[in-house]
Amino acid sequence: MEAGKLEAENCLSFIEGKEFELPIFYDLEDRITSNALNKKQITTIALDFCKTIKNAGFEVGVYANLSWFTNFIDVYSLIDEGIKIWLAQWSKAPTANFPISYWQYTSDGHVAGIDGRVDMNISYVEIPKSVNNVEKPVDNLSNNEEGEEMKTYKNGSTAEIVYSDSNCTNRIGCLNPYEVCECYGIWQNKAVVRYKVDGQNNYKVGFCKWLRWT
């Protein structure tokens, strides 16, 4: 199946000689696709597209809603290849249990100079300063010394492991189910949290895999 590769080659023919400061994203959400192909086939198409674009020297990613990333694409196969994930989930906070690079949080936004509703997005990775009219990136950690509002991390229904390193290899503790703690921001697609040790006034700071901050 070479559909992904062929689509990528067609895309490259249109962007030849151009440079971009943000990734090229592949949006293959379509009911016809999901009805005709299984998860493995759709994942293969996405990987073929992204690898072809990446081999041409561009950053690349896949855009989809939470249902698609959950049911129709093996999202970790993409992440393992360094492919960016752009999640469309119109809610107060993303609830994906996998790392994301960009979050489309509403289709009902408004931007000066544009008539009508527009999609709004937040980036969890560094955006070049020359890109205008985008949300402020939160990849840089705030030390809260400049009056910046501290974020909140709300754990889910299971214990959440906390790691000392952003690669999540050295476990230092865990958050209890539904535990709420402070979040300094996002670093390398990991939430940086400060939590109480055993409910006492002793704190640790570490990385959590899932992005559950608000």
C-alpha atoms as a PDB file:
ATOM      1  CA  MET A   1       0.000   0.000   0.000  1.00  0.00           C
ATOM      2  CA  GLU A   2       1.707   3.202  -1.192  1.00  0.00           C
ATOM      3  CA  ALA A   3      -1.114   5.696  -0.710  1.00  0.00           C
ATOM      4  CA  GLY A   4       0.729   7.611   1.990  1.00  0.00           C
ATOM      5  CA  LYS A   5       3.948   7.811  -0.001  1.00  0.00           C
ATOM      6  CA  LEU A   6       2.109   8.964  -3.130  1.00  0.00           C
ATOM      7  CA  GLU A   7       0.228  11.647  -1.204  1.00  0.00           C
ATOM      8  CA  ALA A   8       3.492  12.844   0.333  1.00  0.00           C
ATOM      9  CA  GLU A   9       5.182  13.053  -3.067  1.00  0.00           C
ATOM     10  CA  ASN A  10       2.233  15.070  -4.366  1.00  0.00           C
ATOM     11  CA  CYS A  11       2.489  17.375  -1.344  1.00  0.00           C
ATOM     12  CA  LEU A  12       6.230  17.830  -1.912  1.00  0.00           C
ATOM     13  CA  SER A  13       5.599  18.861  -5.514  1.00  0.00           C
ATOM     14  CA  PHE A  14       3.526  21.807  -4.254  1.00  0.00           C
ATOM     15  CA  ILE A  15       5.978  22.952  -1.579  1.00  0.00           C
ATOM     16  CA  GLU A  16       9.180  22.506  -3.573  1.00  0.00           C
ATOM     17  CA  GLY A  17      11.585  25.361  -2.886  1.00  0.00           C
ATOM     18  CA  LYS A  18       9.606  26.609   0.104  1.00  0.00           C
ATOM     19  CA  GLU A  19      10.626  26.767   3.751  1.00  0.00           C
ATOM     20  CA  PHE A  20       8.351  26.431   6.767  1.00  0.00           C
ATOM     21  CA  GLU A  21       8.730  27.261  10.433  1.00  0.00           C
ATOM     22  CA  LEU A  22       6.039  24.815  11.547  1.00  0.00           C
ATOM     23  CA  PRO A  23       5.632  21.138  10.650  1.00  0.00           C
ATOM     24  CA  ILE A  24       3.751  19.811   7.632  1.00  0.00           C
ATOM     25  CA  PHE A  25       0.683  18.065   9.079  1.00  0.00           C
ATOM     26  CA  TYR A  26      -1.191  15.148   7.580  1.00  0.00           C
ATOM     27  CA  ASP A  27      -4.963  15.167   8.132  1.00  0.00           C
ATOM     28  CA  LEU A  28      -6.471  11.878   7.019  1.00  0.00           C
ATOM     29  CA  GLU A  29      -9.638  11.959   9.132  1.00  0.00           C
ATOM     30  CA  ASP A  30     -12.363  10.709   6.858  1.00  0.00           C
ATOM     31  CA  ARG A  31     -15.286   8.343   7.382  1.00  0.00           C
ATOM     32  CA  ILE A  32     -14.614   6.661   4.044  1.00  0.00           C
ATOM     33  CA  THR A  33     -11.054   5.881   5.160  1.00  0.00           C
ATOM     34  CA  SER A  34     -12.062   4.556   8.571  1.00  0.00           C
ATOM     35  CA  ASN A  35     -14.834   2.414   7.045  1.00  0.00           C
ATOM     36  CA  ALA A  36     -12.605   0.921   4.357  1.00  0.00           C
ATOM     37  CA  LEU A  37      -9.324   0.354   6.228  1.00  0.00           C
ATOM     38  CA  ASN A  38      -8.272  -1.101   9.553  1.00  0.00           C
ATOM     39  CA  LYS A  39      -6.081   0.540  12.181  1.00  0.00           C
ATOM     40  CA  LYS A  40      -2.872  -1.107  10.967  1.00  0.00           C
ATOM     41  CA  GLN A  41      -3.480  -0.018   7.369  1.00  0.00           C
ATOM     42  CA  ILE A  42      -4.272   3.585   8.336  1.00  0.00           C
ATOM     43  CA  THR A  43      -1.199   3.714  10.563  1.00  0.00           C
ATOM     44  CA  THR A  44       0.955   2.451   7.695  1.00  0.00           C
ATOM     45  CA  ILE A  45      -0.406   5.159   5.387  1.00  0.00           C
ATOM     46  CA  ALA A  46       0.304   7.832   8.010  1.00  0.00           C
ATOM     47  CA  LEU A  47       3.827   6.538   8.606  1.00  0.00           C
ATOM     48  CA  ASP A  48       4.601   6.351   4.889  1.00  0.00           C
ATOM     49  CA  PHE A  49       3.414   9.921   4.380  1.00  0.00           C
ATOM     50  CA  CYS A  50       5.349  11.283   7.334  1.00  0.00           C
ATOM     51  CA  LYS A  51       8.576   9.426   6.592  1.00  0.00           C
ATOM     52  CA  THR A  52       8.537  10.657   2.992  1.00  0.00           C
ATOM     53  CA  ILE A  53       8.021  14.261   4.095  1.00  0.00           C
ATOM     54  CA  LYS A  54      10.643  13.887   6.826  1.00  0.00           C
ATOM     55  CA  ASN A  55      13.196  12.411   4.405  1.00  0.00           C
ATOM     56  CA  ALA A  56      12.714  15.517   2.245  1.00  0.00           C
ATOM     57  CA  GLY A  57      13.940  17.658   5.136  1.00  0.00           C
ATOM     58  CA  PHE A  58      10.687  18.884   6.665  1.00  0.00           C
ATOM     59  CA  GLU A  59       9.293  18.477  10.169  1.00  0.00           C
ATOM     60  CA  VAL A  60       6.082  16.494   9.983  1.00  0.00           C
ATOM     61  CA  GLY A  61       3.088  15.538  12.080  1.00  0.00           C
ATOM     62  CA  VAL A  62      -0.401  14.052  12.055  1.00  0.00           C
ATOM     63  CA  TYR A  63      -3.590  15.942  12.909  1.00  0.00           C
ATOM     64  CA  ALA A  64      -6.673  14.129  14.193  1.00  0.00           C
ATOM     65  CA  ASN A  65      -9.307  14.160  16.884  1.00  0.00           C
ATOM     66  CA  LEU A  66      -9.088  12.032  20.017  1.00  0.00           C
ATOM     67  CA  SER A  67     -11.347   9.310  18.638  1.00  0.00           C
ATOM     68  CA  TRP A  68      -9.149   8.885  15.591  1.00  0.00           C
ATOM     69  CA  PHE A  69      -5.928   8.767  17.587  1.00  0.00           C
ATOM     70  CA  THR A  70      -7.534   6.251  19.926  1.00  0.00           C
ATOM     71  CA  ASN A  71      -9.362   3.967  17.509  1.00  0.00           C
ATOM     72  CA  PHE A  72      -7.913   4.335  14.023  1.00  0.00           C
ATOM     73  CA  ILE A  73      -4.211   5.177  14.377  1.00  0.00           C
ATOM     74  CA  ASP A  74      -1.473   3.558  16.455  1.00  0.00           C
ATOM     75  CA  VAL A  75      -0.342   6.895  17.860  1.00  0.00           C
ATOM     76  CA  TYR A  76       2.755   5.506  19.589  1.00  0.00           C
ATOM     77  CA  SER A  77       4.067   4.200  16.267  1.00  0.00           C
ATOM     78  CA  LEU A  78       4.043   7.826  15.130  1.00  0.00           C
ATOM     79  CA  ILE A  79       5.596   9.181  18.327  1.00  0.00           C
ATOM     80  CA  ASP A  80       8.387   6.591  18.182  1.00  0.00           C
ATOM     81  CA  GLU A  81       9.337   7.986  14.761  1.00  0.00           C
ATOM     82  CA  GLY A  82       9.531  11.555  16.063  1.00  0.00           C
ATOM     83  CA  ILE A  83       6.281  12.553  14.351  1.00  0.00           C
ATOM     84  CA  LYS A  84       4.435  15.477  15.950  1.00  0.00           C
ATOM     85  CA  ILE A  85       0.904  14.957  17.249  1.00  0.00           C
ATOM     86  CA  TRP A  86      -1.700  17.696  16.760  1.00  0.00           C
ATOM     87  CA  LEU A  87      -4.799  16.835  18.785  1.00  0.00           C
ATOM     88  CA  ALA A  88      -8.206  18.314  18.009  1.00  0.00           C
ATOM     89  CA  GLN A  89     -10.256  18.115  21.195  1.00  0.00           C
ATOM     90  CA  TRP A  90     -12.631  20.950  21.934  1.00  0.00           C
ATOM     91  CA  SER A  91     -12.631  20.937  25.721  1.00  0.00           C
ATOM     92  CA  LYS A  92     -11.228  22.753  28.757  1.00  0.00           C
ATOM     93  CA  ALA A  93      -8.155  20.514  28.795  1.00  0.00           C
ATOM     94  CA  PRO A  94      -6.746  17.706  26.629  1.00  0.00           C
ATOM     95  CA  THR A  95      -7.507  14.244  28.020  1.00  0.00           C
ATOM     96  CA  ALA A  96      -5.287  12.184  25.710  1.00  0.00           C
ATOM     97  CA  ASN A  97      -3.142   9.565  27.448  1.00  0.00           C
ATOM     98  CA  PHE A  98      -0.288  10.172  25.018  1.00  0.00           C
ATOM     99  CA  PRO A  99       2.096  13.108  24.477  1.00  0.00           C
ATOM    100  CA  ILE A 100       0.919  15.864  22.149  1.00  0.00           C
ATOM    101  CA  SER A 101       2.773  18.768  20.528  1.00  0.00           C
ATOM    102  CA  TYR A 102      -0.217  20.925  19.563  1.00  0.00           C
ATOM    103  CA  TRP A 103      -3.759  21.124  20.881  1.00  0.00           C
ATOM    104  CA  GLN A 104      -6.721  22.537  18.944  1.00  0.00           C
ATOM    105  CA  TYR A 105      -9.034  23.429  21.800  1.00  0.00           C
ATOM    106  CA  THR A 106     -11.982  25.128  20.071  1.00  0.00           C
ATOM    107  CA  SER A 107     -13.560  25.870  16.718  1.00  0.00           C
ATOM    108  CA  ASP A 108     -15.350  28.888  18.132  1.00  0.00           C
ATOM    109  CA  GLY A 109     -12.475  31.329  18.470  1.00  0.00           C
ATOM    110  CA  HIS A 110     -12.279  34.900  17.240  1.00  0.00           C
ATOM    111  CA  VAL A 111      -9.273  36.742  15.842  1.00  0.00           C
ATOM    112  CA  ALA A 112      -9.121  40.422  15.000  1.00  0.00           C
ATOM    113  CA  GLY A 113      -9.316  40.943  11.240  1.00  0.00           C
ATOM    114  CA  ILE A 114     -11.026  37.622  10.514  1.00  0.00           C
ATOM    115  CA  ASP A 115     -14.777  37.424  10.066  1.00  0.00           C
ATOM    116  CA  GLY A 116     -16.531  34.492  11.690  1.00  0.00           C
ATOM    117  CA  ARG A 117     -15.370  31.631  13.877  1.00  0.00           C
ATOM    118  CA  VAL A 118     -11.842  30.240  13.731  1.00  0.00           C
ATOM    119  CA  ASP A 119     -10.043  27.246  15.214  1.00  0.00           C
ATOM    120  CA  MET A 120      -7.721  28.076  18.114  1.00  0.00           C
ATOM    121  CA  ASN A 121      -4.610  26.152  19.082  1.00  0.00           C
ATOM    122  CA  ILE A 122      -1.979  25.925  21.799  1.00  0.00           C
ATOM    123  CA  SER A 123       1.587  24.786  21.156  1.00  0.00           C
ATOM    124  CA  TYR A 124       3.516  22.715  23.702  1.00  0.00           C
ATOM    125  CA  VAL A 125       6.741  23.056  21.728  1.00  0.00           C
ATOM    126  CA  GLU A 126       8.844  26.093  20.908  1.00  0.00           C
ATOM    127  CA  ILE A 127       7.445  28.234  18.106  1.00  0.00           C
ATOM    128  CA  PRO A 128       9.784  30.539  16.142  1.00  0.00           C
ATOM    129  CA  LYS A 129       9.361  34.194  17.120  1.00  0.00           C
ATOM    130  CA  SER A 130       8.660  35.129  13.507  1.00  0.00           C
ATOM    131  CA  VAL A 131       5.381  33.208  13.573  1.00  0.00           C
ATOM    132  CA  ASN A 132       2.672  35.705  14.485  1.00  0.00           C
ATOM    133  CA  ASN A 133      -0.826  35.383  15.973  1.00  0.00           C
ATOM    134  CA  VAL A 134      -0.227  32.087  17.752  1.00  0.00           C
ATOM    135  CA  GLU A 135      -0.676  31.107  21.350  1.00  0.00           C
ATOM    136  CA  LYS A 136       2.293  31.676  23.646  1.00  0.00           C
ATOM    137  CA  PRO A 137       4.279  28.421  23.891  1.00  0.00           C
ATOM    138  CA  VAL A 138       4.445  26.823  27.321  1.00  0.00           C
ATOM    139  CA  ASP A 139       7.533  24.704  26.683  1.00  0.00           C
ATOM    140  CA  ASN A 140       9.695  26.996  28.832  1.00  0.00           C
ATOM    141  CA  LEU A 141       9.323  26.393  32.536  1.00  0.00           C
ATOM    142  CA  SER A 142       8.066  29.235  34.680  1.00  0.00           C
ATOM    143  CA  ASN A 143       9.713  29.767  38.052  1.00  0.00           C
ATOM    144  CA  ASN A 144       6.666  31.805  39.078  1.00  0.00           C
ATOM    145  CA  GLU A 145       8.890  34.731  40.065  1.00  0.00           C
ATOM    146  CA  GLU A 146       7.480  37.090  37.446  1.00  0.00           C
ATOM    147  CA  GLY A 147       3.846  36.884  38.503  1.00  0.00           C
ATOM    148  CA  GLU A 148       2.949  34.099  36.049  1.00  0.00           C
ATOM    149  CA  GLU A 149      -0.023  32.024  37.081  1.00  0.00           C
ATOM    150  CA  MET A 150       0.860  28.520  38.234  1.00  0.00           C
ATOM    151  CA  LYS A 151      -0.915  25.764  36.320  1.00  0.00           C
ATOM    152  CA  THR A 152      -2.724  22.879  37.971  1.00  0.00           C
ATOM    153  CA  TYR A 153      -2.142  19.198  37.258  1.00  0.00           C
ATOM    154  CA  LYS A 154      -5.121  16.934  37.912  1.00  0.00           C
ATOM    155  CA  ASN A 155      -4.360  13.233  37.931  1.00  0.00           C
ATOM    156  CA  GLY A 156      -6.757  10.661  36.508  1.00  0.00           C
ATOM    157  CA  SER A 157      -8.303   7.574  38.079  1.00  0.00           C
ATOM    158  CA  THR A 158      -5.051   5.585  38.381  1.00  0.00           C
ATOM    159  CA  ALA A 159      -1.744   6.256  40.097  1.00  0.00           C
ATOM    160  CA  GLU A 160       0.599   8.400  37.975  1.00  0.00           C
ATOM    161  CA  ILE A 161       4.340   7.705  38.085  1.00  0.00           C
ATOM    162  CA  VAL A 162       6.620  10.724  38.523  1.00  0.00           C
ATOM    163  CA  TYR A 163      10.128  10.641  37.037  1.00  0.00           C
ATOM    164  CA  SER A 164      13.266  12.655  37.691  1.00  0.00           C
ATOM    165  CA  ASP A 165      14.144  12.858  33.972  1.00  0.00           C
ATOM    166  CA  SER A 166      12.220  13.895  30.863  1.00  0.00           C
ATOM    167  CA  ASN A 167      12.922  10.503  29.257  1.00  0.00           C
ATOM    168  CA  CYS A 168      10.872   8.952  32.088  1.00  0.00           C
ATOM    169  CA  THR A 169      13.413   6.293  33.029  1.00  0.00           C
ATOM    170  CA  ASN A 170      14.106   7.094  36.716  1.00  0.00           C
ATOM    171  CA  ARG A 171      11.040   6.794  38.928  1.00  0.00           C
ATOM    172  CA  ILE A 172      11.010   9.040  42.016  1.00  0.00           C
ATOM    173  CA  GLY A 173       7.413   8.660  43.206  1.00  0.00           C
ATOM    174  CA  CYS A 174       3.812   8.771  42.106  1.00  0.00           C
ATOM    175  CA  LEU A 175       0.617  10.771  42.306  1.00  0.00           C
ATOM    176  CA  ASN A 176      -2.428   9.184  43.874  1.00  0.00           C
ATOM    177  CA  PRO A 177      -5.642   8.761  41.862  1.00  0.00           C
ATOM    178  CA  TYR A 178      -7.332  12.154  41.347  1.00  0.00           C
ATOM    179  CA  GLU A 179      -4.510  13.944  43.171  1.00  0.00           C
ATOM    180  CA  VAL A 180      -4.177  17.643  42.333  1.00  0.00           C
ATOM    181  CA  CYS A 181      -0.788  19.369  42.373  1.00  0.00           C
ATOM    182  CA  GLU A 182       1.077  22.317  40.867  1.00  0.00           C
ATOM    183  CA  CYS A 183       2.362  22.254  37.289  1.00  0.00           C
ATOM    184  CA  TYR A 184       5.221  24.486  36.111  1.00  0.00           C
ATOM    185  CA  GLY A 185       4.444  23.806  32.451  1.00  0.00           C
ATOM    186  CA  ILE A 186       5.412  21.380  29.697  1.00  0.00           C
ATOM    187  CA  TRP A 187       8.938  20.311  28.872  1.00  0.00           C
ATOM    188  CA  GLN A 188       9.655  17.912  25.979  1.00  0.00           C
ATOM    189  CA  ASN A 189       6.002  16.818  25.950  1.00  0.00           C
ATOM    190  CA  LYS A 190       6.058  15.981  29.664  1.00  0.00           C
ATOM    191  CA  ALA A 191       4.251  17.814  32.457  1.00  0.00           C
ATOM    192  CA  VAL A 192       6.575  19.206  35.138  1.00  0.00           C
ATOM    193  CA  VAL A 193       4.830  18.869  38.491  1.00  0.00           C
ATOM    194  CA  ARG A 194       5.499  19.777  42.114  1.00  0.00           C
ATOM    195  CA  TYR A 195       3.715  17.446  44.492  1.00  0.00           C
ATOM    196  CA  LYS A 196       3.606  16.685  48.184  1.00  0.00           C
ATOM    197  CA  VAL A 197       5.405  13.574  49.356  1.00  0.00           C
ATOM    198  CA  ASP A 198       2.988  11.309  51.247  1.00  0.00           C
ATOM    199  CA  GLY A 199       0.578  14.198  51.706  1.00  0.00           C
ATOM    200  CA  GLN A 200       3.046  16.091  53.920  1.00  0.00           C
ATOM    201  CA  ASN A 201       4.611  19.501  53.402  1.00  0.00           C
ATOM    202  CA  ASN A 202       7.657  17.978  51.754  1.00  0.00           C
ATOM    203  CA  TYR A 203       7.750  18.443  47.991  1.00  0.00           C
ATOM    204  CA  LYS A 204       9.335  16.831  44.974  1.00  0.00           C
ATOM    205  CA  VAL A 205       9.506  18.105  41.410  1.00  0.00           C
ATOM    206  CA  GLY A 206       9.443  15.687  38.502  1.00  0.00           C
ATOM    207  CA  PHE A 207       8.052  14.729  35.108  1.00  0.00           C
ATOM    208  CA  CYS A 208       4.739  13.034  34.301  1.00  0.00           C
ATOM    209  CA  LYS A 209       4.072  11.395  30.929  1.00  0.00           C
ATOM    210  CA  TRP A 210       0.504  12.557  30.462  1.00  0.00           C
ATOM    211  CA  LEU A 211      -0.601  16.138  29.859  1.00  0.00           C
ATOM    212  CA  ARG A 212      -3.409  16.746  32.335  1.00  0.00           C
ATOM    213  CA  TRP A 213      -2.636  20.331  33.313  1.00  0.00           C
ATOM    214  CA  THR A 214      -5.109  23.224  33.251  1.00  0.00           C
END
